[in-house]
N, C-alpha and C. Protein backbone atom coordinates (compact mmCIF):
# COMPACT_ATOMS: atom_id res chain seq x y z
N MET A 1 143.08 184.26 105.83
CA MET A 1 141.63 184.16 105.90
C MET A 1 141.11 185.58 105.99
N ASN A 2 139.91 185.81 105.41
CA ASN A 2 139.30 187.13 105.48
C ASN A 2 137.78 187.04 105.34
N ILE A 3 137.12 188.03 105.87
CA ILE A 3 135.66 188.15 105.69
C ILE A 3 135.44 188.84 104.36
N GLU A 4 134.62 188.24 103.53
CA GLU A 4 134.35 188.79 102.21
C GLU A 4 133.55 190.09 102.32
N PRO A 5 133.86 191.07 101.49
CA PRO A 5 133.07 192.31 101.52
C PRO A 5 131.66 192.06 100.99
N ALA A 6 130.71 192.79 101.56
CA ALA A 6 129.32 192.67 101.11
C ALA A 6 129.20 193.23 99.70
N VAL A 7 128.44 192.52 98.87
CA VAL A 7 128.18 192.96 97.50
C VAL A 7 126.70 193.32 97.43
N PRO A 8 126.36 194.47 96.88
CA PRO A 8 124.94 194.85 96.82
C PRO A 8 124.09 193.84 96.04
N THR A 9 122.87 193.67 96.49
CA THR A 9 121.90 192.84 95.77
C THR A 9 121.71 193.43 94.38
N SER A 10 121.64 192.56 93.37
CA SER A 10 121.39 193.04 92.01
C SER A 10 120.14 192.35 91.46
N LYS A 11 119.44 193.06 90.59
CA LYS A 11 118.27 192.50 89.93
C LYS A 11 118.73 191.85 88.64
N ASN A 12 118.26 190.64 88.40
CA ASN A 12 118.68 189.94 87.19
C ASN A 12 118.03 190.55 85.95
N PRO A 13 118.72 190.47 84.80
CA PRO A 13 118.27 191.18 83.60
C PRO A 13 117.05 190.53 82.93
N PRO A 14 116.16 191.36 82.35
CA PRO A 14 114.95 190.83 81.70
C PRO A 14 115.25 189.99 80.45
N GLU A 15 116.45 190.09 79.92
CA GLU A 15 116.80 189.24 78.77
C GLU A 15 116.87 187.78 79.17
N ARG A 16 117.10 187.52 80.47
CA ARG A 16 117.29 186.15 80.96
C ARG A 16 116.23 185.72 81.97
N PHE A 17 115.40 186.65 82.43
CA PHE A 17 114.42 186.36 83.48
C PHE A 17 113.09 187.05 83.16
N THR A 18 112.00 186.40 83.55
CA THR A 18 110.67 186.98 83.47
C THR A 18 110.22 187.22 84.91
N GLY A 19 109.78 188.45 85.21
CA GLY A 19 109.40 188.78 86.58
C GLY A 19 110.62 189.26 87.35
N ASP A 20 110.41 189.50 88.64
CA ASP A 20 111.47 190.06 89.48
C ASP A 20 112.29 188.96 90.15
N VAL A 21 113.60 188.99 89.90
CA VAL A 21 114.53 188.00 90.45
C VAL A 21 115.78 188.76 90.91
N TRP A 22 116.20 188.51 92.16
CA TRP A 22 117.34 189.21 92.74
C TRP A 22 118.44 188.24 93.08
N LEU A 23 119.69 188.71 93.01
CA LEU A 23 120.87 187.89 93.22
C LEU A 23 121.76 188.51 94.29
N ASP A 24 122.19 187.67 95.23
CA ASP A 24 123.16 188.06 96.25
C ASP A 24 124.33 187.09 96.17
N PRO A 25 125.50 187.54 95.67
CA PRO A 25 126.66 186.65 95.61
C PRO A 25 127.10 186.21 97.01
N ILE A 26 127.49 184.96 97.11
CA ILE A 26 128.04 184.41 98.36
C ILE A 26 129.54 184.17 98.19
N ALA A 27 129.92 183.52 97.09
CA ALA A 27 131.33 183.19 96.87
C ALA A 27 131.63 183.22 95.38
N VAL A 28 132.77 183.80 95.05
CA VAL A 28 133.26 183.83 93.67
C VAL A 28 134.73 183.43 93.69
N PRO A 29 135.25 182.91 92.58
CA PRO A 29 136.66 182.51 92.56
C PRO A 29 137.61 183.68 92.84
N HIS A 30 138.66 183.41 93.61
CA HIS A 30 139.69 184.41 93.90
C HIS A 30 141.07 183.99 93.37
N GLU A 31 141.31 182.70 93.35
CA GLU A 31 142.64 182.19 93.01
C GLU A 31 142.58 181.36 91.73
N ASP A 32 143.73 181.22 91.07
CA ASP A 32 143.81 180.33 89.92
C ASP A 32 143.37 178.94 90.33
N GLY A 33 142.61 178.29 89.48
CA GLY A 33 142.15 176.93 89.76
C GLY A 33 140.82 176.87 90.50
N GLN A 34 140.35 178.01 91.03
CA GLN A 34 139.05 178.03 91.68
C GLN A 34 137.98 178.31 90.62
N HIS A 35 136.86 177.57 90.70
CA HIS A 35 135.84 177.70 89.66
C HIS A 35 134.42 177.79 90.21
N MET A 36 134.24 177.65 91.52
CA MET A 36 132.90 177.60 92.10
C MET A 36 132.35 179.00 92.36
N THR A 37 131.10 179.22 91.91
CA THR A 37 130.36 180.44 92.22
C THR A 37 129.11 180.03 92.97
N VAL A 38 128.80 180.74 94.06
CA VAL A 38 127.63 180.45 94.88
C VAL A 38 126.88 181.75 95.09
N ALA A 39 125.54 181.69 94.99
CA ALA A 39 124.73 182.89 95.18
C ALA A 39 123.36 182.51 95.74
N THR A 40 122.78 183.43 96.48
CA THR A 40 121.38 183.31 96.88
C THR A 40 120.56 184.03 95.82
N VAL A 41 119.52 183.36 95.33
CA VAL A 41 118.68 183.94 94.28
C VAL A 41 117.24 183.92 94.79
N ARG A 42 116.58 185.08 94.71
CA ARG A 42 115.21 185.22 95.20
C ARG A 42 114.28 185.55 94.05
N PHE A 43 113.20 184.76 93.92
CA PHE A 43 112.23 184.91 92.85
C PHE A 43 110.90 185.40 93.42
N ALA A 44 110.32 186.43 92.82
CA ALA A 44 108.95 186.84 93.17
C ALA A 44 107.99 185.75 92.68
N PRO A 45 106.76 185.70 93.21
CA PRO A 45 105.82 184.67 92.77
C PRO A 45 105.68 184.63 91.23
N GLY A 46 105.87 183.44 90.68
CA GLY A 46 105.74 183.23 89.23
C GLY A 46 106.92 183.70 88.41
N ALA A 47 107.92 184.34 89.01
CA ALA A 47 109.10 184.77 88.26
C ALA A 47 109.91 183.55 87.85
N ARG A 48 110.63 183.67 86.73
CA ARG A 48 111.31 182.51 86.18
C ARG A 48 112.52 182.88 85.34
N THR A 49 113.39 181.92 85.16
CA THR A 49 114.52 182.10 84.25
C THR A 49 114.06 181.81 82.83
N ALA A 50 114.90 182.17 81.88
CA ALA A 50 114.76 181.67 80.51
C ALA A 50 115.36 180.27 80.48
N TRP A 51 115.14 179.56 79.39
CA TRP A 51 115.82 178.29 79.21
C TRP A 51 117.32 178.53 79.25
N HIS A 52 118.07 177.62 79.82
CA HIS A 52 119.51 177.74 79.85
C HIS A 52 120.13 176.39 80.21
N SER A 53 121.45 176.32 80.07
CA SER A 53 122.20 175.13 80.48
C SER A 53 123.53 175.58 81.07
N HIS A 54 124.17 174.67 81.80
CA HIS A 54 125.46 174.96 82.43
C HIS A 54 126.47 173.94 81.95
N GLU A 55 127.60 174.42 81.53
CA GLU A 55 128.65 173.57 80.98
C GLU A 55 129.05 172.44 81.94
N LYS A 56 129.09 172.75 83.24
CA LYS A 56 129.51 171.74 84.22
C LYS A 56 128.41 171.39 85.21
N GLY A 57 127.16 171.68 84.87
CA GLY A 57 126.05 171.33 85.75
C GLY A 57 125.81 172.39 86.80
N GLN A 58 124.80 172.15 87.65
CA GLN A 58 124.42 173.11 88.68
C GLN A 58 123.69 172.41 89.81
N TYR A 59 123.90 172.91 91.03
CA TYR A 59 123.13 172.50 92.20
C TYR A 59 122.30 173.68 92.66
N LEU A 60 121.05 173.43 93.00
CA LEU A 60 120.15 174.46 93.53
C LEU A 60 119.52 173.94 94.81
N ARG A 61 119.77 174.63 95.92
CA ARG A 61 119.22 174.25 97.22
C ARG A 61 118.11 175.24 97.57
N VAL A 62 116.86 174.77 97.57
CA VAL A 62 115.74 175.63 97.91
C VAL A 62 115.76 175.88 99.41
N THR A 63 115.70 177.15 99.79
CA THR A 63 115.75 177.52 101.21
C THR A 63 114.43 178.10 101.70
N GLN A 64 113.61 178.64 100.79
CA GLN A 64 112.31 179.20 101.16
C GLN A 64 111.35 179.06 99.98
N GLY A 65 110.07 178.91 100.28
CA GLY A 65 109.05 178.86 99.24
C GLY A 65 109.04 177.54 98.50
N ILE A 66 108.46 177.58 97.31
CA ILE A 66 108.37 176.38 96.46
C ILE A 66 108.99 176.72 95.11
N GLY A 67 109.99 175.94 94.72
CA GLY A 67 110.62 176.11 93.43
C GLY A 67 109.96 175.21 92.40
N ARG A 68 109.91 175.69 91.19
CA ARG A 68 109.39 174.91 90.07
C ARG A 68 110.51 174.85 89.04
N PHE A 69 110.82 173.62 88.57
CA PHE A 69 111.94 173.41 87.66
C PHE A 69 111.47 172.57 86.48
N GLY A 70 111.85 172.98 85.27
CA GLY A 70 111.39 172.28 84.08
C GLY A 70 112.51 171.88 83.15
N THR A 71 112.24 170.81 82.36
CA THR A 71 113.19 170.29 81.38
C THR A 71 112.53 170.23 80.02
N ARG A 72 113.31 170.05 78.97
CA ARG A 72 112.81 170.06 77.59
C ARG A 72 111.80 168.95 77.31
N ASP A 73 111.80 167.89 78.11
CA ASP A 73 110.82 166.82 77.88
C ASP A 73 109.44 167.19 78.40
N GLY A 74 109.30 168.42 78.93
CA GLY A 74 108.00 168.88 79.44
C GLY A 74 107.78 168.59 80.91
N GLY A 75 108.71 167.90 81.52
CA GLY A 75 108.58 167.60 82.94
C GLY A 75 108.77 168.84 83.79
N VAL A 76 107.94 168.97 84.81
CA VAL A 76 108.06 170.06 85.79
C VAL A 76 108.01 169.43 87.17
N VAL A 77 109.01 169.75 88.00
CA VAL A 77 109.03 169.23 89.36
C VAL A 77 108.99 170.40 90.34
N GLU A 78 108.37 170.17 91.49
CA GLU A 78 108.37 171.16 92.55
C GLU A 78 109.38 170.73 93.60
N VAL A 79 110.14 171.70 94.08
CA VAL A 79 111.18 171.43 95.07
C VAL A 79 110.90 172.32 96.27
N HIS A 80 111.01 171.74 97.46
CA HIS A 80 110.64 172.41 98.70
C HIS A 80 111.87 172.73 99.54
N PRO A 81 111.75 173.62 100.53
CA PRO A 81 112.89 173.97 101.36
C PRO A 81 113.58 172.73 101.94
N GLY A 82 114.90 172.76 101.86
CA GLY A 82 115.71 171.64 102.35
C GLY A 82 116.04 170.63 101.28
N GLN A 83 115.43 170.74 100.10
CA GLN A 83 115.73 169.83 99.00
C GLN A 83 116.72 170.49 98.04
N THR A 84 117.59 169.67 97.46
CA THR A 84 118.59 170.14 96.50
C THR A 84 118.34 169.48 95.16
N LEU A 85 118.29 170.29 94.12
CA LEU A 85 118.10 169.81 92.75
C LEU A 85 119.45 169.86 92.04
N TYR A 86 119.80 168.78 91.36
CA TYR A 86 121.02 168.75 90.55
C TYR A 86 120.62 168.71 89.08
N THR A 87 121.23 169.59 88.30
CA THR A 87 121.03 169.60 86.85
C THR A 87 122.36 169.20 86.21
N PRO A 88 122.39 168.12 85.42
CA PRO A 88 123.64 167.66 84.82
C PRO A 88 124.19 168.64 83.79
N PRO A 89 125.49 168.52 83.48
CA PRO A 89 126.09 169.38 82.46
C PRO A 89 125.33 169.32 81.14
N GLY A 90 125.08 170.52 80.58
CA GLY A 90 124.46 170.62 79.27
C GLY A 90 122.95 170.45 79.22
N GLU A 91 122.30 170.05 80.32
CA GLU A 91 120.85 169.86 80.29
C GLU A 91 120.13 171.22 80.27
N GLU A 92 119.31 171.42 79.24
CA GLU A 92 118.54 172.66 79.15
C GLU A 92 117.38 172.59 80.14
N HIS A 93 117.22 173.67 80.91
CA HIS A 93 116.23 173.69 81.98
C HIS A 93 115.85 175.14 82.30
N TRP A 94 114.89 175.29 83.19
CA TRP A 94 114.53 176.60 83.74
C TRP A 94 114.18 176.42 85.21
N HIS A 95 114.19 177.50 85.98
CA HIS A 95 113.73 177.47 87.36
C HIS A 95 112.88 178.69 87.63
N ALA A 96 111.98 178.54 88.63
CA ALA A 96 110.98 179.57 88.89
C ALA A 96 110.43 179.44 90.30
N ALA A 97 109.73 180.48 90.72
CA ALA A 97 108.92 180.40 91.94
C ALA A 97 107.54 179.91 91.52
N ALA A 98 106.97 179.04 92.30
CA ALA A 98 105.59 178.59 92.03
C ALA A 98 104.66 179.81 92.12
N PRO A 99 103.50 179.74 91.48
CA PRO A 99 102.56 180.85 91.59
C PRO A 99 102.15 181.07 93.04
N GLY A 100 102.02 182.33 93.42
CA GLY A 100 101.49 182.65 94.74
C GLY A 100 102.49 182.66 95.88
N CYS A 101 103.78 182.37 95.62
CA CYS A 101 104.73 182.42 96.72
C CYS A 101 106.12 182.80 96.21
N PHE A 102 106.86 183.46 97.07
CA PHE A 102 108.26 183.74 96.76
C PHE A 102 109.05 182.44 96.87
N MET A 103 110.20 182.38 96.20
CA MET A 103 111.08 181.23 96.31
C MET A 103 112.51 181.74 96.37
N GLU A 104 113.29 181.11 97.24
CA GLU A 104 114.70 181.44 97.35
C GLU A 104 115.49 180.16 97.23
N HIS A 105 116.57 180.20 96.45
CA HIS A 105 117.47 179.06 96.41
C HIS A 105 118.92 179.53 96.44
N ILE A 106 119.78 178.63 96.84
CA ILE A 106 121.22 178.86 96.76
C ILE A 106 121.69 178.14 95.51
N ALA A 107 122.26 178.91 94.58
CA ALA A 107 122.75 178.36 93.32
C ALA A 107 124.25 178.13 93.42
N MET A 108 124.67 176.93 93.02
CA MET A 108 126.09 176.57 93.03
C MET A 108 126.46 176.07 91.64
N VAL A 109 127.40 176.77 91.01
CA VAL A 109 127.79 176.40 89.66
C VAL A 109 129.31 176.52 89.53
N GLU A 110 129.89 175.58 88.80
CA GLU A 110 131.32 175.60 88.54
C GLU A 110 131.55 176.18 87.15
N SER A 111 132.41 177.18 87.08
CA SER A 111 132.72 177.80 85.79
C SER A 111 133.56 176.86 84.94
N GLY A 112 133.41 177.02 83.63
CA GLY A 112 134.26 176.30 82.70
C GLY A 112 135.60 177.01 82.55
N ASP A 113 136.40 176.56 81.62
CA ASP A 113 137.70 177.21 81.38
C ASP A 113 137.51 178.66 80.97
N ASP A 114 136.43 178.94 80.23
CA ASP A 114 136.06 180.31 79.87
C ASP A 114 134.78 180.65 80.63
N PRO A 115 134.89 181.40 81.74
CA PRO A 115 133.69 181.68 82.56
C PRO A 115 132.53 182.29 81.78
N SER A 116 132.81 182.99 80.69
CA SER A 116 131.72 183.62 79.92
C SER A 116 130.86 182.60 79.19
N THR A 117 131.33 181.36 79.06
CA THR A 117 130.55 180.32 78.38
C THR A 117 130.05 179.25 79.34
N SER A 118 130.18 179.49 80.64
CA SER A 118 129.75 178.50 81.63
C SER A 118 128.25 178.28 81.63
N THR A 119 127.48 179.34 81.33
CA THR A 119 126.02 179.25 81.22
C THR A 119 125.63 179.70 79.82
N THR A 120 124.83 178.89 79.15
CA THR A 120 124.32 179.23 77.83
C THR A 120 122.86 179.62 77.98
N TRP A 121 122.53 180.88 77.69
CA TRP A 121 121.15 181.37 77.82
C TRP A 121 120.42 181.24 76.51
N LEU A 122 119.15 180.83 76.60
CA LEU A 122 118.32 180.57 75.43
C LEU A 122 117.04 181.40 75.52
N GLU A 123 115.97 180.96 74.85
CA GLU A 123 114.72 181.71 74.81
C GLU A 123 113.96 181.65 76.14
N HIS A 124 113.04 182.62 76.29
CA HIS A 124 112.16 182.61 77.46
C HIS A 124 111.19 181.44 77.40
N ILE A 125 110.78 180.94 78.56
CA ILE A 125 109.80 179.86 78.58
C ILE A 125 108.40 180.44 78.37
N THR A 126 107.51 179.59 77.91
CA THR A 126 106.12 180.03 77.71
C THR A 126 105.31 179.76 78.98
N ASP A 127 104.12 180.35 79.04
CA ASP A 127 103.24 180.08 80.17
C ASP A 127 102.86 178.59 80.21
N ASP A 128 102.65 177.97 79.05
CA ASP A 128 102.33 176.55 79.02
C ASP A 128 103.47 175.70 79.57
N GLU A 129 104.72 176.05 79.23
CA GLU A 129 105.86 175.32 79.77
C GLU A 129 105.93 175.48 81.29
N PHE A 130 105.67 176.69 81.77
CA PHE A 130 105.68 176.97 83.21
C PHE A 130 104.63 176.12 83.92
N GLU A 131 103.49 175.93 83.28
CA GLU A 131 102.39 175.15 83.86
C GLU A 131 102.55 173.65 83.62
N GLY A 132 103.56 173.24 82.84
CA GLY A 132 103.76 171.82 82.57
C GLY A 132 102.77 171.26 81.56
N ARG A 133 102.30 172.12 80.65
CA ARG A 133 101.34 171.66 79.62
C ARG A 133 102.01 171.50 78.28
């Protein structure tokens, strides 16, 4: 057993995010057969991901603020602290902080056999998609 070394906070790249979004890793695979990655992700007000999907799905536990999550059918849901959102494998979606407040969530995702293809990144969302219009 060991205490994991601290990893510096990193800012997520503008190719995949609009606005300021920071990532703090919590857990990454160490041994063969381990596939779970966990991170705390902090979004500035109105900041958002691009459209994306996860090969094996994703869990997002909102810990602070109000999260806004959207799907290709135009649906947008708000998620509050203490609530966990599950996105099934392959479902294209985005996540964001609601306007006017920061949002923090814990992201839990299982890597596929090829970790580089576990998340498929797509185009940025529009303001209308963010607003659910």
